[in-house]
Amino acid sequence: MVKFFKINLKTFAKPPGTLIHVDEDHETTQELEELKIKIVNYNEERFEEKDLEDLQLKKLDLDKSLVTWVKIDGKFDPNNLMNIGVQFDLHPLLLEDILDPGQRPKMDDYGNYFSINLKMIDFNPEKKEVSIEPVSIILGENYVLSFQEKQNELFNTILTRIRTSKGRIRKRGGDYLAYALMDIIVDNYFFILENFAEKIEDLETELVMKPTRETLQEIHTLKRDLIILRKSIWPLREVLSSLQRRESQLIKDETIFFLRDIYDHTIQIIDTVESFRDMVSGMLDIYLSSISNRMNEIMKVLTIVATIFIPLTFIVGLYGMNFHFMPELGWIWGYPIIIIIMLIVSLVMVIYFKRKNWL
């Protein structure tokens, strides 16, 4: 289960644009060295790729005939991020949003570049947990910057397509690259939803067969994960809608059609998440009804047993008074006769309950 809210309280009462990492107190030099910067330059005929070994991003001379993708993975401290911001003339508030893990998906237009904040969702099949990673994409003229803290393999699919020159990505500009990055994030949501569907199906079977307290806990965990999933996906609709309406030279007309396709996928994902939430809410009602039915069955059996013993208790109590003038006390076969009468009474009551379908 993922943490519901991630708030960077370290920026409280600080000037706007203050760069403070939310995990800065726990960072070590070894963790900071995990930062990887890959620079990819390409067009239809050319392809160049290089990794920066140090953490200082060197001055880039952007070739307008090439699309430049600066792929930044790993944990970056504010100094490195500020250095990147200086190289590409990024707004301080944008850099602050990149360091904020609780930032909701949004799109900001800074004139000569766009900033797009998304949530990359991953599912661990072993732990059956959902993890959410913020991803920032900056689209400028002939360049794209992507920021993600975890070393995720999702963007490597796009990198492979560029290397092998498969599809139309090498023939398009930076706006298509930004679209491709957003598209693979959204497509990954379908994989996450498939795992949620399997989990819901297993829980429904368990509810029908034999629900337990662990089942209730799993339902609450699943409901919480769906709320977080909805919180991460719902604003994406607004982001894509804003990108489609923008009249900017950074986004070409032919790319608008591809953005509409992502928008349609996002609507489909949101509808699926809402359906899952309704199903999980219904599962809670089913669980409570199932537990109530089981309790009713138990109470019914106990009530029938108690009802059978009521006349038997009366007979035993009657002959337990030991009065001197009770004629049955002097009978030789008095005790066996009373036992037989008690058995007959019990048998008659059981037959009666079965005919009434109470047993």
Protein backbone atom coordinates (compact mmCIF):
# COMPACT_ATOMS: atom_id res chain seq x y z
CA MET A 1 0.00 0.00 0.00
CA VAL A 2 1.38 3.40 -0.95
CA LYS A 3 1.45 6.48 1.17
CA PHE A 4 -1.66 8.54 0.62
CA PHE A 5 -0.20 12.04 0.82
CA LYS A 6 3.34 13.24 0.20
CA ILE A 7 3.77 16.85 1.23
CA ASN A 8 7.04 18.76 1.13
CA LEU A 9 6.74 20.64 4.43
CA LYS A 10 10.36 21.81 4.17
CA THR A 11 9.29 24.53 1.72
CA PHE A 12 6.81 25.94 4.25
CA ALA A 13 7.41 29.66 4.86
CA LYS A 14 10.25 29.58 2.30
CA PRO A 15 10.44 32.00 -0.66
CA PRO A 16 8.76 30.72 -3.87
CA GLY A 17 11.14 28.67 -5.97
CA THR A 18 13.19 27.38 -3.01
CA LEU A 19 14.70 24.05 -4.02
CA ILE A 20 14.54 21.54 -1.15
CA HIS A 21 14.28 17.80 -1.72
CA VAL A 22 11.64 16.09 0.42
CA ASP A 23 14.14 13.32 1.34
CA GLU A 24 17.13 15.57 1.64
CA ASP A 25 17.88 14.63 5.27
CA HIS A 26 18.18 10.95 4.30
CA GLU A 27 20.28 11.31 1.18
CA THR A 28 23.85 10.07 1.05
CA THR A 29 26.67 10.67 -1.39
CA GLN A 30 26.22 7.16 -2.75
CA GLU A 31 22.55 7.81 -3.48
CA LEU A 32 23.38 11.07 -5.26
CA GLU A 33 25.92 9.28 -7.45
CA GLU A 34 23.08 7.17 -8.84
CA LEU A 35 22.02 10.13 -10.95
CA LYS A 36 22.27 9.31 -14.66
CA ILE A 37 22.01 11.82 -17.47
CA LYS A 38 21.62 10.54 -21.01
CA ILE A 39 21.59 12.89 -23.99
CA VAL A 40 20.02 11.65 -27.22
CA ASN A 41 20.20 13.66 -30.44
CA TYR A 42 18.39 12.42 -33.52
CA ASN A 43 16.55 13.12 -36.72
CA GLU A 44 15.52 10.87 -39.59
CA GLU A 45 19.11 10.38 -40.77
CA ARG A 46 21.27 10.91 -37.67
CA PHE A 47 21.38 9.45 -34.19
CA GLU A 48 23.74 10.32 -31.35
CA GLU A 49 23.67 9.05 -27.78
CA LYS A 50 25.98 9.77 -24.86
CA ASP A 51 26.02 9.49 -21.09
CA LEU A 52 27.40 12.12 -18.78
CA GLU A 53 29.69 10.57 -16.20
CA ASP A 54 29.71 13.53 -13.82
CA LEU A 55 26.72 15.21 -12.22
CA GLN A 56 27.32 18.56 -13.86
CA LEU A 57 25.35 19.03 -17.04
CA LYS A 58 27.63 20.68 -19.54
CA LYS A 59 26.59 23.52 -21.79
CA LEU A 60 24.66 22.10 -24.71
CA ASP A 61 24.75 23.62 -28.14
CA LEU A 62 21.35 22.61 -29.42
CA ASP A 63 21.25 21.84 -33.12
CA LYS A 64 17.88 22.94 -34.49
CA SER A 65 18.07 20.23 -37.15
CA LEU A 66 18.11 17.58 -34.39
CA VAL A 67 15.74 16.67 -31.60
CA THR A 68 17.53 16.59 -28.24
CA TRP A 69 16.23 14.39 -25.45
CA VAL A 70 17.88 14.88 -22.06
CA LYS A 71 16.87 11.84 -20.00
CA ILE A 72 17.58 12.43 -16.30
CA ASP A 73 17.12 9.45 -13.98
CA GLY A 74 17.91 9.11 -10.30
CA LYS A 75 17.98 11.34 -7.25
CA PHE A 76 19.25 14.83 -7.94
CA ASP A 77 20.09 17.39 -5.31
CA PRO A 78 18.97 21.03 -5.64
CA ASN A 79 22.40 22.18 -6.86
CA ASN A 80 22.37 19.79 -9.83
CA LEU A 81 18.77 20.68 -10.63
CA MET A 82 19.57 24.38 -10.45
CA ASN A 83 22.46 23.84 -12.84
CA ILE A 84 20.10 22.14 -15.31
CA GLY A 85 17.66 25.00 -14.89
CA VAL A 86 20.35 27.52 -15.77
CA GLN A 87 21.35 25.60 -18.90
CA PHE A 88 17.77 25.58 -20.24
CA ASP A 89 16.54 28.81 -18.62
CA LEU A 90 13.87 27.05 -16.55
CA HIS A 91 11.66 28.95 -14.13
CA PRO A 92 12.48 28.47 -10.39
CA LEU A 93 8.86 27.52 -9.66
CA LEU A 94 9.14 24.77 -12.26
CA LEU A 95 12.27 23.41 -10.58
CA GLU A 96 10.44 23.46 -7.24
CA ASP A 97 7.60 21.41 -8.74
CA ILE A 98 10.09 18.82 -10.02
CA LEU A 99 11.37 18.24 -6.48
CA ASP A 100 7.87 18.02 -5.02
CA PRO A 101 6.71 14.35 -5.00
CA GLY A 102 3.17 15.35 -4.03
CA GLN A 103 2.63 17.54 -7.07
CA ARG A 104 -0.59 16.71 -8.88
CA PRO A 105 -0.52 16.11 -12.65
CA LYS A 106 -0.66 19.46 -14.40
CA MET A 107 0.56 21.43 -17.41
CA ASP A 108 2.16 24.89 -17.26
CA ASP A 109 2.85 27.11 -20.26
CA TYR A 110 5.99 29.22 -19.82
CA GLY A 111 5.88 30.67 -23.32
CA ASN A 112 8.93 29.13 -24.96
CA TYR A 113 8.45 25.74 -23.28
CA PHE A 114 5.79 23.55 -21.65
CA SER A 115 6.06 21.78 -18.32
CA ILE A 116 4.05 18.57 -17.89
CA ASN A 117 3.88 16.77 -14.54
CA LEU A 118 2.62 13.17 -14.55
CA LYS A 119 2.44 10.16 -12.26
CA MET A 120 4.12 6.91 -13.29
CA ILE A 121 2.42 3.98 -11.54
CA ASP A 122 4.10 0.64 -10.98
CA PHE A 123 2.72 -2.61 -9.53
CA ASN A 124 4.83 -5.09 -7.59
CA PRO A 125 3.30 -8.55 -8.21
CA GLU A 126 5.26 -10.16 -5.36
CA LYS A 127 4.26 -7.68 -2.65
CA LYS A 128 1.03 -6.80 -4.47
CA GLU A 129 1.70 -3.13 -3.84
CA VAL A 130 1.27 -0.03 -5.96
CA SER A 131 4.04 2.57 -6.12
CA ILE A 132 3.72 6.02 -7.64
CA GLU A 133 6.58 8.02 -9.05
CA PRO A 134 6.35 11.64 -10.21
CA VAL A 135 7.61 12.30 -13.73
CA SER A 136 8.27 15.73 -15.19
CA ILE A 137 8.47 16.36 -18.94
CA ILE A 138 9.60 19.69 -20.36
CA LEU A 139 8.92 20.37 -24.02
CA GLY A 140 10.88 23.13 -25.67
CA GLU A 141 11.88 24.00 -29.20
CA ASN A 142 13.57 20.85 -30.54
CA TYR A 143 14.32 19.51 -27.08
CA VAL A 144 12.64 17.43 -24.37
CA LEU A 145 13.72 17.04 -20.76
CA SER A 146 12.45 14.12 -18.67
CA PHE A 147 12.95 13.81 -14.91
CA GLN A 148 12.30 10.68 -12.86
CA GLU A 149 13.93 9.63 -9.60
CA LYS A 150 13.61 5.86 -9.90
CA GLN A 151 15.47 3.86 -12.52
CA ASN A 152 12.37 2.74 -14.40
CA GLU A 153 12.66 0.68 -17.59
CA LEU A 154 9.50 2.14 -19.12
CA PHE A 155 11.20 4.95 -21.05
CA ASN A 156 13.82 2.55 -22.40
CA THR A 157 11.16 1.31 -24.84
CA ILE A 158 11.06 4.78 -26.40
CA LEU A 159 14.84 4.88 -26.44
CA THR A 160 14.94 1.55 -28.29
CA ARG A 161 12.50 2.85 -30.89
CA ILE A 162 14.75 5.85 -31.49
CA ARG A 163 17.86 3.69 -31.75
CA THR A 164 16.32 1.26 -34.20
CA SER A 165 14.47 4.00 -36.10
CA LYS A 166 11.21 2.06 -35.84
CA GLY A 167 7.93 3.85 -36.41
CA ARG A 168 7.52 7.54 -37.05
CA ILE A 169 9.36 8.87 -34.00
CA ARG A 170 12.60 9.69 -35.89
CA LYS A 171 10.60 11.56 -38.51
CA ARG A 172 8.82 13.79 -36.01
CA GLY A 173 9.86 16.61 -33.73
CA GLY A 174 10.19 17.04 -29.99
CA ASP A 175 6.43 17.36 -29.54
CA TYR A 176 5.98 13.80 -30.80
CA LEU A 177 8.68 12.59 -28.40
CA ALA A 178 6.82 14.24 -25.51
CA TYR A 179 3.64 12.57 -26.75
CA ALA A 180 5.40 9.18 -26.89
CA LEU A 181 6.59 9.55 -23.29
CA MET A 182 3.10 10.45 -22.08
CA ASP A 183 1.55 7.69 -24.17
CA ILE A 184 3.69 4.92 -22.67
CA ILE A 185 2.89 6.18 -19.15
CA VAL A 186 -0.84 6.08 -19.92
CA ASP A 187 -0.58 2.67 -21.60
CA ASN A 188 1.10 1.35 -18.46
CA TYR A 189 -2.07 2.29 -16.55
CA PHE A 190 -3.90 -0.46 -18.45
CA PHE A 191 -1.41 -3.01 -17.13
CA ILE A 192 -2.01 -1.72 -13.59
CA LEU A 193 -5.78 -1.93 -14.07
CA GLU A 194 -5.44 -5.52 -15.30
CA ASN A 195 -3.76 -6.45 -12.01
CA PHE A 196 -6.50 -4.67 -10.09
CA ALA A 197 -9.12 -6.61 -12.07
CA GLU A 198 -7.48 -9.94 -11.15
CA LYS A 199 -7.29 -8.92 -7.51
CA ILE A 200 -10.96 -7.89 -7.47
CA GLU A 201 -11.96 -11.20 -9.08
CA ASP A 202 -10.02 -13.18 -6.45
CA LEU A 203 -11.62 -11.17 -3.65
CA GLU A 204 -15.10 -11.74 -5.06
CA THR A 205 -14.50 -15.49 -5.12
CA GLU A 206 -13.21 -15.38 -1.56
CA LEU A 207 -16.23 -13.37 -0.47
CA VAL A 208 -18.61 -15.97 -1.85
CA MET A 209 -16.71 -18.99 -0.50
CA LYS A 210 -15.43 -18.02 2.93
CA PRO A 211 -14.79 -14.38 3.87
CA THR A 212 -12.42 -13.67 6.75
CA ARG A 213 -11.06 -10.61 8.53
CA GLU A 214 -8.08 -10.71 6.19
CA THR A 215 -10.53 -10.41 3.31
CA LEU A 216 -11.94 -7.23 4.83
CA GLN A 217 -8.44 -5.83 5.25
CA GLU A 218 -7.61 -6.58 1.61
CA ILE A 219 -10.81 -4.85 0.51
CA HIS A 220 -9.91 -1.71 2.46
CA THR A 221 -6.37 -1.79 1.03
CA LEU A 222 -7.70 -2.19 -2.49
CA LYS A 223 -10.16 0.66 -1.98
CA ARG A 224 -7.37 2.90 -0.72
CA ASP A 225 -5.15 2.04 -3.70
CA LEU A 226 -7.99 2.84 -6.09
CA ILE A 227 -8.45 6.23 -4.45
CA ILE A 228 -4.75 6.96 -4.93
CA LEU A 229 -4.94 5.72 -8.51
CA ARG A 230 -7.88 7.99 -9.21
CA LYS A 231 -6.07 10.92 -7.59
CA SER A 232 -3.09 10.32 -9.90
CA ILE A 233 -5.05 9.81 -13.14
CA TRP A 234 -8.06 12.13 -12.92
CA PRO A 235 -6.10 15.44 -13.39
CA LEU A 236 -4.42 13.97 -16.47
CA ARG A 237 -7.62 14.55 -18.42
CA GLU A 238 -7.30 18.27 -17.81
CA VAL A 239 -3.62 18.21 -18.80
CA LEU A 240 -4.30 16.56 -22.17
CA SER A 241 -7.31 18.76 -22.81
CA SER A 242 -5.17 21.86 -22.22
CA LEU A 243 -2.43 20.60 -24.54
CA GLN A 244 -4.95 20.06 -27.34
CA ARG A 245 -6.31 23.59 -27.02
CA ARG A 246 -2.92 25.30 -26.96
CA GLU A 247 -2.12 27.37 -30.02
CA SER A 248 1.63 27.05 -29.87
CA GLN A 249 4.35 26.41 -32.40
CA LEU A 250 5.81 23.82 -30.01
CA ILE A 251 2.93 21.43 -30.74
CA LYS A 252 2.27 20.69 -34.39
CA ASP A 253 -1.17 20.04 -35.79
CA GLU A 254 -0.45 16.39 -36.62
CA THR A 255 0.56 15.76 -33.00
CA ILE A 256 -2.82 17.02 -31.78
CA PHE A 257 -4.47 13.91 -33.20
CA PHE A 258 -2.14 11.68 -31.19
CA LEU A 259 -2.85 13.70 -28.04
CA ARG A 260 -6.56 13.12 -28.63
CA ASP A 261 -5.87 9.39 -28.68
CA ILE A 262 -4.18 9.62 -25.25
CA TYR A 263 -7.14 11.68 -24.05
CA ASP A 264 -9.53 8.92 -25.14
CA HIS A 265 -7.41 6.32 -23.35
CA THR A 266 -7.40 8.47 -20.23
CA ILE A 267 -11.20 8.72 -20.25
CA GLN A 268 -11.40 4.94 -20.64
CA ILE A 269 -9.01 4.45 -17.72
CA ILE A 270 -10.96 6.88 -15.52
CA ASP A 271 -14.21 5.06 -16.30
CA THR A 272 -12.58 1.74 -15.43
CA VAL A 273 -11.24 3.10 -12.14
CA GLU A 274 -14.69 4.43 -11.24
CA SER A 275 -16.21 1.04 -12.06
CA PHE A 276 -13.63 -0.70 -9.87
CA ARG A 277 -14.39 1.69 -7.00
CA ASP A 278 -18.09 0.89 -7.27
CA MET A 279 -17.32 -2.83 -7.33
CA VAL A 280 -15.09 -2.57 -4.25
CA SER A 281 -17.74 -0.55 -2.41
CA GLY A 282 -20.24 -3.27 -3.31
CA MET A 283 -17.79 -5.88 -2.02
CA LEU A 284 -17.90 -4.23 1.39
CA ASP A 285 -21.67 -4.57 1.41
CA ILE A 286 -21.36 -8.20 0.28
CA TYR A 287 -18.87 -8.88 3.07
CA LEU A 288 -21.15 -7.39 5.72
CA SER A 289 -24.14 -9.28 4.31
CA SER A 290 -22.16 -12.53 4.22
CA ILE A 291 -21.01 -12.13 7.81
CA SER A 292 -24.57 -11.27 8.85
CA ASN A 293 -25.95 -14.34 7.04
CA ARG A 294 -23.39 -16.59 8.69
CA MET A 295 -24.30 -15.16 12.08
CA ASN A 296 -27.98 -15.70 11.33
CA GLU A 297 -27.30 -19.34 10.41
CA ILE A 298 -25.40 -19.88 13.64
CA MET A 299 -28.12 -18.22 15.70
CA LYS A 300 -30.77 -20.32 13.94
CA VAL A 301 -29.01 -23.56 14.81
CA LEU A 302 -28.49 -22.50 18.41
CA THR A 303 -32.12 -21.41 18.67
CA ILE A 304 -33.34 -24.78 17.34
CA VAL A 305 -31.12 -26.65 19.79
CA ALA A 306 -32.38 -24.51 22.66
CA THR A 307 -35.99 -25.02 21.52
CA ILE A 308 -35.56 -28.81 21.48
CA PHE A 309 -34.20 -28.77 25.00
CA ILE A 310 -37.01 -26.59 26.41
CA PRO A 311 -39.58 -29.46 26.81
CA LEU A 312 -36.82 -31.83 27.89
CA THR A 313 -35.76 -29.39 30.57
CA PHE A 314 -39.39 -29.10 31.69
CA ILE A 315 -39.75 -32.89 32.03
CA VAL A 316 -36.45 -33.24 33.90
CA GLY A 317 -37.35 -30.36 36.18
CA LEU A 318 -40.81 -31.76 36.85
CA TYR A 319 -39.53 -35.13 37.97
CA GLY A 320 -36.66 -33.57 39.85
CA MET A 321 -39.00 -32.15 42.52
CA ASN A 322 -39.01 -35.49 44.41
CA PHE A 323 -42.55 -35.19 45.85
CA HIS A 324 -43.65 -38.28 47.85
CA PHE A 325 -47.02 -38.75 46.14
CA MET A 326 -45.76 -38.68 42.51
CA PRO A 327 -46.99 -42.08 41.16
CA GLU A 328 -44.29 -42.32 38.51
CA LEU A 329 -41.59 -42.47 41.17
CA GLY A 330 -42.78 -45.89 42.23
CA TRP A 331 -42.88 -47.40 38.77
CA ILE A 332 -40.24 -49.99 38.01
CA TRP A 333 -39.97 -48.83 34.36
CA GLY A 334 -40.55 -45.16 35.17
CA TYR A 335 -37.02 -43.98 34.32
CA PRO A 336 -36.79 -45.75 30.91
CA ILE A 337 -40.30 -44.54 30.02
CA ILE A 338 -39.36 -40.91 30.72
CA ILE A 339 -36.19 -41.26 28.64
CA ILE A 340 -38.20 -42.72 25.74
CA ILE A 341 -40.76 -39.90 26.01
CA MET A 342 -37.95 -37.33 25.91
CA LEU A 343 -36.45 -38.98 22.80
CA ILE A 344 -39.85 -39.07 21.09
CA VAL A 345 -40.44 -35.37 21.87
CA SER A 346 -37.01 -34.48 20.46
CA LEU A 347 -37.58 -36.59 17.32
CA VAL A 348 -41.00 -35.06 16.70
CA MET A 349 -39.59 -31.54 17.00
CA VAL A 350 -36.71 -32.30 14.63
CA ILE A 351 -39.15 -33.71 12.03
CA TYR A 352 -41.36 -30.65 12.43
CA PHE A 353 -38.40 -28.26 11.95
CA LYS A 354 -37.30 -30.13 8.82
CA ARG A 355 -40.76 -29.90 7.29
CA LYS A 356 -40.70 -26.16 7.94
CA ASN A 357 -37.22 -25.99 6.27
CA TRP A 358 -35.72 -24.57 9.44
CA LEU A 359 -33.02 -27.22 9.44
